[in-house]
């Protein structure tokens, strides 16, 4: 099994994106999540990409993406207590509302 730990050492939210699924999980300051894959081969199971969005950063949000490169694209993500956490975990209500509004106004491409 491959695993990677993501720590939020910032003072605001850290959004953990899981790709290629497009899933989000939100870490509060000081939180730690572990992404686990069933992959046990010799290649790296993950690629990590930190990226900056000026609007997010102004709102106290940082972003990191874990790309699943090998193994099942549906990883298990657990919190510091070992509990499985799902897509949307701790997503702030105002972010969810904003996204829902955008989705209903903009038809998919």
N, C-alpha and C. Protein backbone atom coordinates (compact mmCIF):
# COMPACT_ATOMS: atom_id res chain seq x y z
N UNK A 1 0.83 -1.18 0.00
CA UNK A 1 0.00 0.00 0.00
C UNK A 1 0.88 1.24 0.00
N UNK A 2 0.51 2.21 -0.83
CA UNK A 2 1.20 3.50 -0.86
C UNK A 2 0.38 4.51 -0.07
N UNK A 3 1.06 5.42 0.60
CA UNK A 3 0.36 6.44 1.38
C UNK A 3 1.15 7.74 1.36
N UNK A 4 0.43 8.84 1.41
CA UNK A 4 1.06 10.15 1.50
C UNK A 4 0.29 10.97 2.52
N UNK A 5 1.02 11.67 3.38
CA UNK A 5 0.41 12.50 4.42
C UNK A 5 0.38 13.94 3.95
N UNK A 6 -0.75 14.59 4.18
CA UNK A 6 -0.91 16.01 3.86
C UNK A 6 -1.19 16.74 5.17
N UNK A 7 -0.32 17.69 5.51
CA UNK A 7 -0.46 18.49 6.73
C UNK A 7 -0.83 19.91 6.36
N UNK A 8 -1.74 20.50 7.13
CA UNK A 8 -2.05 21.92 6.94
C UNK A 8 -1.29 22.71 7.99
N UNK A 9 -0.19 23.29 7.58
CA UNK A 9 0.62 24.12 8.47
C UNK A 9 0.33 25.60 8.26
N UNK A 10 -0.70 25.92 7.48
CA UNK A 10 -1.05 27.32 7.24
C UNK A 10 -1.99 27.81 8.34
N UNK A 11 -2.34 29.08 8.27
CA UNK A 11 -3.24 29.68 9.27
C UNK A 11 -4.70 29.64 8.82
N UNK A 12 -4.95 29.17 7.60
CA UNK A 12 -6.31 29.11 7.08
C UNK A 12 -6.62 27.72 6.56
N UNK A 13 -7.63 27.63 5.74
CA UNK A 13 -8.03 26.35 5.14
C UNK A 13 -7.00 25.86 4.13
N UNK A 14 -6.86 24.55 4.04
CA UNK A 14 -6.11 23.91 2.96
C UNK A 14 -7.07 22.96 2.27
N UNK A 15 -7.28 23.19 0.97
CA UNK A 15 -8.15 22.30 0.21
C UNK A 15 -7.28 21.23 -0.42
N UNK A 16 -7.60 19.98 -0.10
CA UNK A 16 -6.92 18.82 -0.68
C UNK A 16 -7.78 18.34 -1.83
N UNK A 17 -7.25 18.43 -3.03
CA UNK A 17 -7.93 17.96 -4.23
C UNK A 17 -7.37 16.59 -4.59
N UNK A 18 -8.25 15.65 -4.91
CA UNK A 18 -7.84 14.31 -5.37
C UNK A 18 -8.18 14.23 -6.85
N UNK A 19 -7.16 14.04 -7.66
CA UNK A 19 -7.35 13.95 -9.11
C UNK A 19 -6.87 12.59 -9.60
N UNK A 20 -7.49 12.05 -10.62
CA UNK A 20 -8.32 12.72 -11.62
C UNK A 20 -9.79 12.79 -11.26
N UNK A 21 -10.18 12.54 -10.01
CA UNK A 21 -11.59 12.51 -9.63
C UNK A 21 -12.21 13.89 -9.45
N UNK A 22 -11.39 14.90 -9.13
CA UNK A 22 -11.94 16.22 -8.86
C UNK A 22 -12.60 16.33 -7.50
N UNK A 23 -12.20 15.47 -6.56
CA UNK A 23 -12.78 15.49 -5.22
C UNK A 23 -12.03 16.48 -4.32
N UNK A 24 -12.76 17.06 -3.37
CA UNK A 24 -12.17 18.01 -2.43
C UNK A 24 -12.42 17.57 -0.99
N UNK A 25 -11.42 17.84 -0.16
CA UNK A 25 -11.52 17.66 1.28
C UNK A 25 -10.81 18.84 1.90
N UNK A 26 -11.33 19.36 3.00
CA UNK A 26 -10.84 20.62 3.57
C UNK A 26 -10.20 20.37 4.93
N UNK A 27 -8.97 20.85 5.07
CA UNK A 27 -8.23 20.70 6.33
C UNK A 27 -8.18 22.04 7.06
N UNK A 28 -8.50 22.00 8.34
CA UNK A 28 -8.33 23.18 9.19
C UNK A 28 -6.84 23.30 9.55
N UNK A 29 -6.43 24.47 10.03
CA UNK A 29 -5.04 24.61 10.47
C UNK A 29 -4.67 23.53 11.49
N UNK A 30 -3.52 22.91 11.28
CA UNK A 30 -3.03 21.88 12.18
C UNK A 30 -3.53 20.47 11.89
N UNK A 31 -4.47 20.31 10.97
CA UNK A 31 -4.99 18.98 10.65
C UNK A 31 -4.07 18.23 9.70
N UNK A 32 -4.24 16.90 9.72
CA UNK A 32 -3.46 16.01 8.86
C UNK A 32 -4.39 14.96 8.28
N UNK A 33 -4.28 14.75 6.97
CA UNK A 33 -5.00 13.68 6.28
C UNK A 33 -3.98 12.77 5.63
N UNK A 34 -4.34 11.50 5.46
CA UNK A 34 -3.48 10.55 4.77
C UNK A 34 -4.26 9.99 3.58
N UNK A 35 -3.63 10.04 2.41
CA UNK A 35 -4.21 9.49 1.19
C UNK A 35 -3.54 8.13 0.98
N UNK A 36 -4.36 7.08 0.85
CA UNK A 36 -3.85 5.72 0.70
C UNK A 36 -4.29 5.13 -0.62
N UNK A 37 -3.36 4.43 -1.26
CA UNK A 37 -3.64 3.75 -2.52
C UNK A 37 -3.34 2.27 -2.35
N UNK A 38 -4.01 1.45 -3.15
CA UNK A 38 -3.76 0.01 -3.11
C UNK A 38 -2.48 -0.37 -3.86
N UNK A 39 -1.84 0.59 -4.49
CA UNK A 39 -0.69 0.32 -5.34
C UNK A 39 0.52 -0.09 -4.52
N UNK A 40 1.22 -1.14 -5.00
CA UNK A 40 2.43 -1.60 -4.30
C UNK A 40 3.59 -1.82 -5.26
N UNK A 41 3.53 -1.18 -6.41
CA UNK A 41 4.59 -1.34 -7.41
C UNK A 41 5.80 -0.46 -7.13
N UNK A 42 6.69 -0.38 -8.12
CA UNK A 42 7.94 0.36 -7.96
C UNK A 42 7.86 1.83 -8.36
N UNK A 43 6.84 2.20 -9.11
CA UNK A 43 6.68 3.59 -9.52
C UNK A 43 6.03 4.40 -8.40
N UNK A 44 6.17 5.71 -8.47
CA UNK A 44 5.51 6.57 -7.49
C UNK A 44 4.00 6.51 -7.69
N UNK A 45 3.27 6.32 -6.62
CA UNK A 45 1.80 6.22 -6.71
C UNK A 45 1.14 7.58 -6.86
N UNK A 46 1.82 8.65 -6.42
CA UNK A 46 1.21 9.97 -6.37
C UNK A 46 2.14 11.03 -6.97
N UNK A 47 1.51 12.10 -7.44
CA UNK A 47 2.21 13.34 -7.74
C UNK A 47 1.51 14.42 -6.92
N UNK A 48 2.28 15.29 -6.30
CA UNK A 48 1.71 16.36 -5.49
C UNK A 48 1.95 17.68 -6.20
N UNK A 49 0.89 18.48 -6.27
CA UNK A 49 0.96 19.78 -6.94
C UNK A 49 0.37 20.83 -6.01
N UNK A 50 1.20 21.77 -5.59
CA UNK A 50 0.72 22.92 -4.82
C UNK A 50 0.46 24.03 -5.80
N UNK A 51 -0.66 24.70 -5.66
CA UNK A 51 -0.97 25.77 -6.60
C UNK A 51 -1.65 26.92 -5.89
N UNK A 52 -1.52 28.09 -6.50
CA UNK A 52 -2.03 29.32 -5.89
C UNK A 52 -3.14 29.89 -6.76
N UNK A 53 -4.23 30.25 -6.10
CA UNK A 53 -5.33 30.96 -6.72
C UNK A 53 -5.47 32.25 -5.91
N UNK A 54 -5.32 33.40 -6.56
CA UNK A 54 -5.32 34.68 -5.85
C UNK A 54 -6.61 34.92 -5.07
N UNK A 55 -7.74 34.55 -5.64
CA UNK A 55 -9.03 34.75 -4.96
C UNK A 55 -9.10 33.86 -3.72
N UNK A 56 -8.71 32.58 -3.87
CA UNK A 56 -8.70 31.67 -2.72
C UNK A 56 -7.77 32.19 -1.63
N UNK A 57 -6.57 32.57 -2.04
CA UNK A 57 -5.59 33.03 -1.05
C UNK A 57 -6.10 34.25 -0.30
N UNK A 58 -6.75 35.17 -0.99
CA UNK A 58 -7.32 36.34 -0.34
C UNK A 58 -8.39 35.95 0.68
N UNK A 59 -9.04 34.82 0.44
CA UNK A 59 -10.05 34.31 1.36
C UNK A 59 -9.50 33.38 2.42
N UNK A 60 -8.18 33.23 2.50
CA UNK A 60 -7.56 32.37 3.51
C UNK A 60 -7.56 30.90 3.15
N UNK A 61 -7.57 30.60 1.84
CA UNK A 61 -7.60 29.21 1.38
C UNK A 61 -6.36 28.92 0.55
N UNK A 62 -5.69 27.82 0.85
CA UNK A 62 -4.58 27.32 0.05
C UNK A 62 -5.02 26.01 -0.62
N UNK A 63 -4.33 25.59 -1.66
CA UNK A 63 -4.73 24.40 -2.41
C UNK A 63 -3.55 23.47 -2.65
N UNK A 64 -3.81 22.17 -2.53
CA UNK A 64 -2.83 21.16 -2.89
C UNK A 64 -3.59 20.03 -3.58
N UNK A 65 -3.00 19.51 -4.65
CA UNK A 65 -3.62 18.42 -5.39
C UNK A 65 -2.74 17.18 -5.29
N UNK A 66 -3.37 16.05 -4.97
CA UNK A 66 -2.69 14.76 -5.02
C UNK A 66 -3.26 14.02 -6.21
N UNK A 67 -2.40 13.81 -7.21
CA UNK A 67 -2.78 13.06 -8.41
C UNK A 67 -2.50 11.58 -8.15
N UNK A 68 -3.47 10.74 -8.45
CA UNK A 68 -3.30 9.30 -8.32
C UNK A 68 -2.71 8.81 -9.64
N UNK A 69 -1.44 8.48 -9.62
CA UNK A 69 -0.73 8.07 -10.83
C UNK A 69 -0.75 6.57 -11.07
N UNK A 70 -0.81 5.80 -10.01
CA UNK A 70 -0.76 4.34 -10.12
C UNK A 70 -1.80 3.74 -9.18
N UNK A 71 -2.29 2.56 -9.53
CA UNK A 71 -3.27 1.88 -8.68
C UNK A 71 -4.67 2.39 -8.93
N UNK A 72 -5.57 2.02 -8.04
CA UNK A 72 -6.97 2.41 -8.13
C UNK A 72 -7.09 3.93 -8.01
N UNK A 73 -7.87 4.55 -8.90
CA UNK A 73 -8.02 6.02 -8.84
C UNK A 73 -8.92 6.46 -7.69
N UNK A 74 -9.52 5.50 -6.97
CA UNK A 74 -10.35 5.82 -5.81
C UNK A 74 -9.56 5.52 -4.54
N UNK A 75 -8.78 6.49 -4.06
CA UNK A 75 -7.98 6.23 -2.87
C UNK A 75 -8.85 6.30 -1.61
N UNK A 76 -8.29 5.82 -0.53
CA UNK A 76 -8.90 6.00 0.78
C UNK A 76 -8.22 7.21 1.42
N UNK A 77 -9.02 8.12 1.95
CA UNK A 77 -8.48 9.29 2.64
C UNK A 77 -8.96 9.22 4.08
N UNK A 78 -8.01 9.32 5.01
CA UNK A 78 -8.35 9.24 6.43
C UNK A 78 -7.82 10.48 7.16
N UNK A 79 -8.49 10.79 8.28
CA UNK A 79 -8.04 11.92 9.09
C UNK A 79 -7.00 11.44 10.11
N UNK A 80 -6.59 12.33 10.98
CA UNK A 80 -5.57 12.00 11.98
C UNK A 80 -5.98 10.93 12.96
N UNK A 81 -7.27 10.65 13.06
CA UNK A 81 -7.79 9.59 13.93
C UNK A 81 -7.98 8.28 13.20
N UNK A 82 -7.70 8.28 11.88
CA UNK A 82 -7.86 7.07 11.09
C UNK A 82 -9.26 6.86 10.52
N UNK A 83 -10.13 7.87 10.68
CA UNK A 83 -11.50 7.78 10.14
C UNK A 83 -11.50 8.14 8.66
N UNK A 84 -12.21 7.35 7.87
CA UNK A 84 -12.33 7.62 6.44
C UNK A 84 -13.15 8.90 6.25
N UNK A 85 -12.65 9.78 5.40
CA UNK A 85 -13.36 11.02 5.11
C UNK A 85 -13.69 11.06 3.62
N UNK A 86 -14.84 11.59 3.31
CA UNK A 86 -15.36 11.58 1.95
C UNK A 86 -15.20 12.94 1.28
N UNK A 87 -15.48 12.96 0.00
CA UNK A 87 -15.47 14.19 -0.79
C UNK A 87 -16.37 15.23 -0.12
N UNK A 88 -15.91 16.47 -0.06
CA UNK A 88 -16.67 17.56 0.55
C UNK A 88 -16.47 17.70 2.04
N UNK A 89 -15.62 16.85 2.62
CA UNK A 89 -15.39 16.87 4.07
C UNK A 89 -15.00 18.28 4.52
N UNK A 90 -15.76 18.85 5.44
CA UNK A 90 -15.53 20.16 6.06
C UNK A 90 -15.59 21.32 5.07
N UNK A 91 -16.13 21.09 3.88
CA UNK A 91 -16.24 22.19 2.92
C UNK A 91 -17.10 23.29 3.54
N UNK A 92 -16.59 24.51 3.61
CA UNK A 92 -17.39 25.59 4.19
C UNK A 92 -18.71 25.78 3.42
N UNK A 93 -19.78 26.01 4.16
CA UNK A 93 -21.12 26.14 3.56
C UNK A 93 -21.16 27.22 2.49
N UNK A 94 -20.46 28.33 2.71
CA UNK A 94 -20.49 29.41 1.73
C UNK A 94 -19.81 29.01 0.42
N UNK A 95 -18.81 28.14 0.51
CA UNK A 95 -18.14 27.64 -0.70
C UNK A 95 -19.09 26.70 -1.45
N UNK A 96 -19.73 25.79 -0.74
CA UNK A 96 -20.69 24.88 -1.35
C UNK A 96 -21.82 25.64 -2.04
N UNK A 97 -22.33 26.68 -1.39
CA UNK A 97 -23.41 27.49 -1.97
C UNK A 97 -22.92 28.21 -3.23
N UNK A 98 -21.72 28.75 -3.17
CA UNK A 98 -21.15 29.46 -4.33
C UNK A 98 -21.00 28.50 -5.51
N UNK A 99 -20.47 27.32 -5.25
CA UNK A 99 -20.28 26.34 -6.32
C UNK A 99 -21.62 25.90 -6.91
N UNK A 100 -22.61 25.65 -6.04
CA UNK A 100 -23.92 25.24 -6.54
C UNK A 100 -24.52 26.32 -7.44
N UNK A 101 -24.37 27.58 -7.07
CA UNK A 101 -24.88 28.69 -7.86
C UNK A 101 -24.18 28.73 -9.23
N UNK A 102 -22.86 28.55 -9.22
CA UNK A 102 -22.11 28.55 -10.49
C UNK A 102 -22.53 27.41 -11.38
N UNK A 103 -22.75 26.23 -10.80
CA UNK A 103 -23.12 25.05 -11.59
C UNK A 103 -24.50 25.21 -12.22
N UNK A 104 -25.43 25.87 -11.50
CA UNK A 104 -26.78 26.01 -12.05
C UNK A 104 -26.85 27.09 -13.12
N UNK A 105 -25.92 28.04 -13.10
CA UNK A 105 -25.91 29.11 -14.11
C UNK A 105 -25.12 28.74 -15.36
N UNK A 106 -24.10 27.93 -15.21
CA UNK A 106 -23.21 27.61 -16.32
C UNK A 106 -23.43 26.16 -16.75
N UNK A 107 -23.96 25.95 -17.97
CA UNK A 107 -24.12 24.56 -18.41
C UNK A 107 -22.76 23.91 -18.64
N UNK A 108 -22.67 22.60 -18.40
CA UNK A 108 -21.41 21.89 -18.62
C UNK A 108 -20.97 22.00 -20.07
N UNK A 109 -19.66 22.02 -20.27
CA UNK A 109 -19.12 22.12 -21.64
C UNK A 109 -19.22 20.81 -22.36
